[in-house]
Structure formats: structure tokens, C-alpha cells
Amino acid sequence: MLYTNLNHIETASQLEKIVNENENVMVCCGRMGPMCIPVYGIMEELEPTYSHVKFFDMEFDNPEAQVIRNAPMTRGFMGLPYTVYYRNGEMVKATTSIQNMSQVKTILDSEFGQPEA
């Protein structure tokens, strides 16, 4: 269990349902470690501003997370967390390792559009 204030995904079928029912989805797949915790915090901070994006976490060590771990965009990743972005049911971007606020916002703006003022 990840101790974040994000919504949690526990199964591959739940992930599939979420990405198919929401236009823009960001999922951070990680652990409660030093590279992951800052990304969860950034997501928690951005969630109210980016109302057109749904933010979730998924535990990396959960066998169900293989759908993210083995995705074509993440297959060669070495560092945690794996952060993936889905638009209209398709993975459109993925990053590995720690990200800062500017990096996450750049991806969100580029893939999903800027938040409304």
C-alpha cells in the first residue's frame, strides 16, 4: 500500500477501466522511496489545478503493475518511479526516475493541455 493522498490503483483491470473512462490520466508506479515520494507530492499539489487530468498511484511491487512495468514505453526503464501518461485510453508518454515540478508540468501541458485559468 502506498501512503499518499492520491487515488490508488490495485489491479490491471482497474487501470484499464480508469484509462478507458477518462480522457487524461497520470499514474505514478513506485514505492515509498526517496525517488518516488517527491513525484507523489508533485502530483498531489497539481491535482487541484489540473482538473482535466486524473491522478493515480500504483504500487510497483504489486504483480498487477506488470501492465505498466512491461509496457513498450517502459520496458527498458531502470529507475523508480515509472510515471505514465494516458490520453484517450493509450499510453502517450512515460518517464523513469525522479521528476521535478517543472518536468511534470511540461509533460502535462504538452500531452493534455494547460489548466484553465
N, C-alpha and C. Protein backbone atom coordinates (compact mmCIF):
# COMPACT_ATOMS: atom_id res chain seq x y z
N MET A 1 0.84 -1.19 0.00
CA MET A 1 0.00 0.00 0.00
C MET A 1 0.88 1.24 0.00
N LEU A 2 0.55 2.18 -0.88
CA LEU A 2 1.26 3.44 -0.93
C LEU A 2 0.52 4.44 -0.05
N TYR A 3 1.26 5.10 0.80
CA TYR A 3 0.67 6.05 1.73
C TYR A 3 0.74 7.46 1.15
N THR A 4 -0.12 7.70 0.16
CA THR A 4 -0.21 9.01 -0.48
C THR A 4 -1.66 9.47 -0.38
N ASN A 5 -1.90 10.71 -0.78
CA ASN A 5 -3.26 11.23 -0.83
C ASN A 5 -3.85 11.10 -2.23
N LEU A 6 -3.18 10.33 -3.08
CA LEU A 6 -3.69 10.09 -4.43
C LEU A 6 -4.67 8.92 -4.40
N ASN A 7 -5.46 8.81 -5.45
CA ASN A 7 -6.29 7.62 -5.61
C ASN A 7 -5.39 6.46 -6.00
N HIS A 8 -5.66 5.28 -5.45
CA HIS A 8 -4.81 4.11 -5.65
C HIS A 8 -5.42 3.17 -6.69
N ILE A 9 -4.56 2.61 -7.52
CA ILE A 9 -4.96 1.55 -8.45
C ILE A 9 -4.37 0.26 -7.93
N GLU A 10 -5.20 -0.76 -7.80
CA GLU A 10 -4.74 -2.03 -7.24
C GLU A 10 -4.68 -3.17 -8.24
N THR A 11 -5.41 -3.07 -9.36
CA THR A 11 -5.43 -4.17 -10.33
C THR A 11 -5.26 -3.65 -11.75
N ALA A 12 -4.79 -4.53 -12.62
CA ALA A 12 -4.64 -4.19 -14.03
C ALA A 12 -6.00 -3.87 -14.65
N SER A 13 -7.03 -4.59 -14.25
CA SER A 13 -8.36 -4.32 -14.81
C SER A 13 -8.89 -2.96 -14.34
N GLN A 14 -8.58 -2.59 -13.11
CA GLN A 14 -8.97 -1.27 -12.61
C GLN A 14 -8.24 -0.18 -13.42
N LEU A 15 -6.95 -0.37 -13.68
CA LEU A 15 -6.19 0.59 -14.50
C LEU A 15 -6.82 0.71 -15.89
N GLU A 16 -7.13 -0.41 -16.50
CA GLU A 16 -7.73 -0.40 -17.84
C GLU A 16 -9.05 0.37 -17.84
N LYS A 17 -9.86 0.14 -16.84
CA LYS A 17 -11.16 0.83 -16.73
C LYS A 17 -10.94 2.34 -16.58
N ILE A 18 -10.00 2.73 -15.73
CA ILE A 18 -9.71 4.15 -15.49
C ILE A 18 -9.24 4.84 -16.77
N VAL A 19 -8.29 4.23 -17.47
CA VAL A 19 -7.75 4.90 -18.67
C VAL A 19 -8.76 4.91 -19.81
N ASN A 20 -9.67 3.96 -19.82
CA ASN A 20 -10.70 3.95 -20.87
C ASN A 20 -11.86 4.87 -20.57
N GLU A 21 -12.08 5.22 -19.30
CA GLU A 21 -13.20 6.07 -18.92
C GLU A 21 -12.82 7.53 -18.70
N ASN A 22 -11.52 7.83 -18.73
CA ASN A 22 -11.05 9.20 -18.51
C ASN A 22 -10.14 9.61 -19.65
N GLU A 23 -10.31 10.82 -20.14
CA GLU A 23 -9.53 11.29 -21.28
C GLU A 23 -8.05 11.39 -20.96
N ASN A 24 -7.69 11.96 -19.80
CA ASN A 24 -6.30 12.22 -19.43
C ASN A 24 -6.01 11.62 -18.06
N VAL A 25 -5.01 10.74 -18.01
CA VAL A 25 -4.67 10.05 -16.76
C VAL A 25 -3.16 10.04 -16.59
N MET A 26 -2.72 10.35 -15.36
CA MET A 26 -1.31 10.24 -14.97
C MET A 26 -1.23 9.22 -13.85
N VAL A 27 -0.33 8.24 -14.00
CA VAL A 27 -0.14 7.20 -12.98
C VAL A 27 1.33 7.15 -12.61
N CYS A 28 1.61 7.24 -11.32
CA CYS A 28 2.96 7.06 -10.81
C CYS A 28 3.04 5.68 -10.18
N CYS A 29 3.86 4.83 -10.76
CA CYS A 29 4.00 3.45 -10.31
C CYS A 29 5.35 3.36 -9.58
N GLY A 30 5.28 3.21 -8.25
CA GLY A 30 6.52 3.23 -7.49
C GLY A 30 6.37 2.61 -6.12
N ARG A 31 7.30 3.00 -5.27
CA ARG A 31 7.35 2.56 -3.87
C ARG A 31 7.37 3.81 -3.00
N MET A 32 7.42 3.61 -1.70
CA MET A 32 7.56 4.74 -0.77
C MET A 32 9.05 5.00 -0.54
N GLY A 33 9.75 5.33 -1.62
CA GLY A 33 11.19 5.55 -1.56
C GLY A 33 11.56 6.98 -1.93
N PRO A 34 12.84 7.32 -1.81
CA PRO A 34 13.29 8.70 -1.99
C PRO A 34 13.15 9.25 -3.41
N MET A 35 13.06 8.39 -4.40
CA MET A 35 12.88 8.86 -5.78
C MET A 35 11.39 9.01 -6.12
N CYS A 36 10.55 8.29 -5.42
CA CYS A 36 9.11 8.26 -5.72
C CYS A 36 8.32 9.30 -4.93
N ILE A 37 8.63 9.44 -3.66
CA ILE A 37 7.84 10.31 -2.79
C ILE A 37 7.74 11.75 -3.33
N PRO A 38 8.82 12.35 -3.86
CA PRO A 38 8.67 13.70 -4.42
C PRO A 38 7.68 13.76 -5.58
N VAL A 39 7.62 12.72 -6.39
CA VAL A 39 6.70 12.72 -7.53
C VAL A 39 5.26 12.64 -7.03
N TYR A 40 5.00 11.80 -6.01
CA TYR A 40 3.65 11.75 -5.43
C TYR A 40 3.26 13.13 -4.91
N GLY A 41 4.19 13.80 -4.24
CA GLY A 41 3.91 15.13 -3.69
C GLY A 41 3.59 16.14 -4.78
N ILE A 42 4.31 16.09 -5.89
CA ILE A 42 4.05 16.98 -7.02
C ILE A 42 2.66 16.71 -7.57
N MET A 43 2.32 15.44 -7.72
CA MET A 43 1.00 15.08 -8.24
C MET A 43 -0.10 15.58 -7.30
N GLU A 44 0.10 15.40 -6.01
CA GLU A 44 -0.89 15.87 -5.03
C GLU A 44 -1.07 17.38 -5.13
N GLU A 45 0.04 18.09 -5.33
CA GLU A 45 -0.01 19.55 -5.42
C GLU A 45 -0.68 20.02 -6.70
N LEU A 46 -0.46 19.30 -7.80
CA LEU A 46 -1.01 19.72 -9.09
C LEU A 46 -2.45 19.27 -9.32
N GLU A 47 -2.90 18.27 -8.60
CA GLU A 47 -4.23 17.69 -8.83
C GLU A 47 -5.35 18.74 -8.83
N PRO A 48 -5.40 19.68 -7.87
CA PRO A 48 -6.49 20.67 -7.90
C PRO A 48 -6.43 21.61 -9.11
N THR A 49 -5.25 21.91 -9.59
CA THR A 49 -5.08 22.83 -10.72
C THR A 49 -5.40 22.16 -12.05
N TYR A 50 -4.97 20.92 -12.20
CA TYR A 50 -5.18 20.18 -13.45
C TYR A 50 -6.44 19.33 -13.33
N SER A 51 -7.58 20.00 -13.27
CA SER A 51 -8.85 19.28 -13.07
C SER A 51 -9.22 18.41 -14.26
N HIS A 52 -8.60 18.65 -15.41
CA HIS A 52 -8.88 17.86 -16.61
C HIS A 52 -8.01 16.59 -16.69
N VAL A 53 -7.21 16.34 -15.63
CA VAL A 53 -6.35 15.16 -15.56
C VAL A 53 -6.71 14.39 -14.29
N LYS A 54 -6.76 13.08 -14.41
CA LYS A 54 -6.98 12.21 -13.24
C LYS A 54 -5.62 11.68 -12.80
N PHE A 55 -5.32 11.80 -11.50
CA PHE A 55 -4.03 11.42 -10.93
C PHE A 55 -4.19 10.17 -10.06
N PHE A 56 -3.29 9.19 -10.26
CA PHE A 56 -3.35 7.94 -9.51
C PHE A 56 -1.94 7.46 -9.20
N ASP A 57 -1.86 6.58 -8.19
CA ASP A 57 -0.62 5.86 -7.95
C ASP A 57 -0.90 4.36 -8.04
N MET A 58 0.17 3.59 -8.23
CA MET A 58 0.07 2.13 -8.25
C MET A 58 1.37 1.59 -7.67
N GLU A 59 1.23 0.60 -6.81
CA GLU A 59 2.39 0.02 -6.14
C GLU A 59 3.21 -0.81 -7.14
N PHE A 60 4.48 -0.46 -7.29
CA PHE A 60 5.36 -1.09 -8.26
C PHE A 60 5.49 -2.60 -8.03
N ASP A 61 5.54 -3.02 -6.77
CA ASP A 61 5.76 -4.43 -6.45
C ASP A 61 4.50 -5.28 -6.54
N ASN A 62 3.37 -4.67 -6.79
CA ASN A 62 2.13 -5.40 -6.98
C ASN A 62 2.22 -6.16 -8.31
N PRO A 63 1.99 -7.47 -8.30
CA PRO A 63 2.05 -8.22 -9.56
C PRO A 63 1.16 -7.63 -10.65
N GLU A 64 0.08 -6.98 -10.25
CA GLU A 64 -0.84 -6.36 -11.22
C GLU A 64 -0.18 -5.19 -11.97
N ALA A 65 0.88 -4.63 -11.41
CA ALA A 65 1.56 -3.49 -12.05
C ALA A 65 2.40 -3.91 -13.25
N GLN A 66 2.45 -5.21 -13.53
CA GLN A 66 3.22 -5.67 -14.69
C GLN A 66 2.71 -5.02 -15.98
N VAL A 67 1.45 -4.62 -16.00
CA VAL A 67 0.91 -3.96 -17.18
C VAL A 67 1.63 -2.64 -17.45
N ILE A 68 2.11 -1.98 -16.40
CA ILE A 68 2.91 -0.77 -16.56
C ILE A 68 4.39 -1.14 -16.73
N ARG A 69 4.88 -2.03 -15.89
CA ARG A 69 6.31 -2.41 -15.94
C ARG A 69 6.72 -2.99 -17.30
N ASN A 70 5.81 -3.70 -17.97
CA ASN A 70 6.14 -4.37 -19.22
C ASN A 70 5.60 -3.68 -20.46
N ALA A 71 5.08 -2.48 -20.29
CA ALA A 71 4.56 -1.74 -21.45
C ALA A 71 5.71 -1.39 -22.39
N PRO A 72 5.46 -1.31 -23.69
CA PRO A 72 6.53 -0.99 -24.64
C PRO A 72 7.31 0.28 -24.28
N MET A 73 6.63 1.31 -23.78
CA MET A 73 7.31 2.57 -23.44
C MET A 73 8.17 2.47 -22.19
N THR A 74 7.92 1.48 -21.32
CA THR A 74 8.65 1.40 -20.05
C THR A 74 9.59 0.19 -19.97
N ARG A 75 9.56 -0.66 -20.94
CA ARG A 75 10.27 -1.93 -20.88
C ARG A 75 11.75 -1.79 -20.52
N GLY A 76 12.43 -0.76 -20.99
CA GLY A 76 13.85 -0.60 -20.72
C GLY A 76 14.18 0.25 -19.50
N PHE A 77 13.16 0.69 -18.77
CA PHE A 77 13.39 1.57 -17.63
C PHE A 77 14.15 0.85 -16.52
N MET A 78 14.99 1.61 -15.81
CA MET A 78 15.79 1.04 -14.74
C MET A 78 15.48 1.67 -13.37
N GLY A 79 15.04 2.91 -13.33
CA GLY A 79 14.84 3.60 -12.05
C GLY A 79 13.38 3.82 -11.73
N LEU A 80 13.09 3.92 -10.45
CA LEU A 80 11.73 4.20 -9.99
C LEU A 80 11.59 5.69 -9.70
N PRO A 81 10.37 6.20 -9.81
CA PRO A 81 9.15 5.54 -10.24
C PRO A 81 9.02 5.51 -11.76
N TYR A 82 8.11 4.68 -12.22
CA TYR A 82 7.67 4.73 -13.61
C TYR A 82 6.45 5.64 -13.60
N THR A 83 6.50 6.72 -14.32
CA THR A 83 5.36 7.62 -14.39
C THR A 83 4.84 7.57 -15.82
N VAL A 84 3.55 7.23 -15.95
CA VAL A 84 2.97 7.04 -17.27
C VAL A 84 1.76 7.96 -17.45
N TYR A 85 1.56 8.36 -18.69
CA TYR A 85 0.52 9.31 -19.05
C TYR A 85 -0.34 8.68 -20.15
N TYR A 86 -1.64 8.65 -19.92
CA TYR A 86 -2.58 8.06 -20.88
C TYR A 86 -3.53 9.15 -21.40
N ARG A 87 -3.73 9.14 -22.71
CA ARG A 87 -4.72 10.02 -23.32
C ARG A 87 -5.63 9.16 -24.18
N ASN A 88 -6.93 9.26 -23.92
CA ASN A 88 -7.93 8.51 -24.67
C ASN A 88 -7.62 7.01 -24.72
N GLY A 89 -7.21 6.47 -23.57
CA GLY A 89 -7.00 5.03 -23.45
C GLY A 89 -5.65 4.52 -23.90
N GLU A 90 -4.78 5.40 -24.39
CA GLU A 90 -3.47 4.98 -24.90
C GLU A 90 -2.35 5.65 -24.10
N MET A 91 -1.29 4.89 -23.81
CA MET A 91 -0.12 5.46 -23.16
C MET A 91 0.59 6.36 -24.18
N VAL A 92 0.73 7.64 -23.84
CA VAL A 92 1.32 8.60 -24.77
C VAL A 92 2.69 9.10 -24.33
N LYS A 93 3.04 8.87 -23.07
CA LYS A 93 4.33 9.34 -22.54
C LYS A 93 4.65 8.53 -21.31
N ALA A 94 5.94 8.30 -21.07
CA ALA A 94 6.39 7.61 -19.86
C ALA A 94 7.75 8.15 -19.47
N THR A 95 7.97 8.28 -18.16
CA THR A 95 9.27 8.71 -17.65
C THR A 95 9.70 7.75 -16.55
N THR A 96 10.98 7.75 -16.30
CA THR A 96 11.53 6.93 -15.23
C THR A 96 12.38 7.81 -14.33
N SER A 97 12.42 7.46 -13.07
CA SER A 97 13.20 8.14 -12.05
C SER A 97 12.50 9.41 -11.58
N ILE A 98 13.15 10.10 -10.69
CA ILE A 98 12.57 11.29 -10.06
C ILE A 98 12.32 12.38 -11.11
N GLN A 99 11.27 13.12 -10.92
CA GLN A 99 10.92 14.26 -11.77
C GLN A 99 10.68 15.46 -10.85
N ASN A 100 10.99 16.66 -11.35
CA ASN A 100 10.67 17.85 -10.56
C ASN A 100 9.37 18.47 -11.08
N MET A 101 8.89 19.47 -10.39
CA MET A 101 7.62 20.11 -10.72
C MET A 101 7.62 20.61 -12.17
N SER A 102 8.68 21.26 -12.58
CA SER A 102 8.75 21.81 -13.93
C SER A 102 8.66 20.70 -14.98
N GLN A 103 9.35 19.60 -14.76
CA GLN A 103 9.32 18.49 -15.72
C GLN A 103 7.91 17.91 -15.83
N VAL A 104 7.25 17.70 -14.70
CA VAL A 104 5.90 17.12 -14.71
C VAL A 104 4.93 18.08 -15.39
N LYS A 105 4.99 19.37 -15.06
CA LYS A 105 4.09 20.35 -15.67
C LYS A 105 4.30 20.44 -17.17
N THR A 106 5.54 20.37 -17.62
CA THR A 106 5.84 20.41 -19.05
C THR A 106 5.16 19.25 -19.77
N ILE A 107 5.24 18.06 -19.19
CA ILE A 107 4.60 16.89 -19.80
C ILE A 107 3.08 17.04 -19.77
N LEU A 108 2.52 17.42 -18.63
CA LEU A 108 1.07 17.59 -18.53
C LEU A 108 0.57 18.61 -19.56
N ASP A 109 1.25 19.74 -19.66
CA ASP A 109 0.83 20.79 -20.60
C ASP A 109 0.95 20.32 -22.04
N SER A 110 2.02 19.60 -22.35
CA SER A 110 2.27 19.14 -23.71
C SER A 110 1.31 18.03 -24.12
N GLU A 111 1.04 17.10 -23.22
CA GLU A 111 0.21 15.94 -23.57
C GLU A 111 -1.29 16.20 -23.38
N PHE A 112 -1.64 17.01 -22.37
CA PHE A 112 -3.06 17.17 -22.01
C PHE A 112 -3.57 18.61 -22.12
N GLY A 113 -2.68 19.56 -22.34
CA GLY A 113 -3.08 20.96 -22.40
C GLY A 113 -2.98 21.61 -21.02
N GLN A 114 -2.79 22.92 -21.03
CA GLN A 114 -2.66 23.66 -19.79
C GLN A 114 -3.98 23.76 -19.08
N PRO A 115 -3.93 23.91 -17.76
CA PRO A 115 -5.17 24.06 -16.99
C PRO A 115 -5.85 25.38 -17.33
N GLU A 116 -7.15 25.40 -17.19
CA GLU A 116 -7.88 26.65 -17.40
C GLU A 116 -7.59 27.59 -16.24
N ALA A 117 -7.50 28.86 -16.56
CA ALA A 117 -7.17 29.87 -15.53
C ALA A 117 -8.30 30.07 -14.55
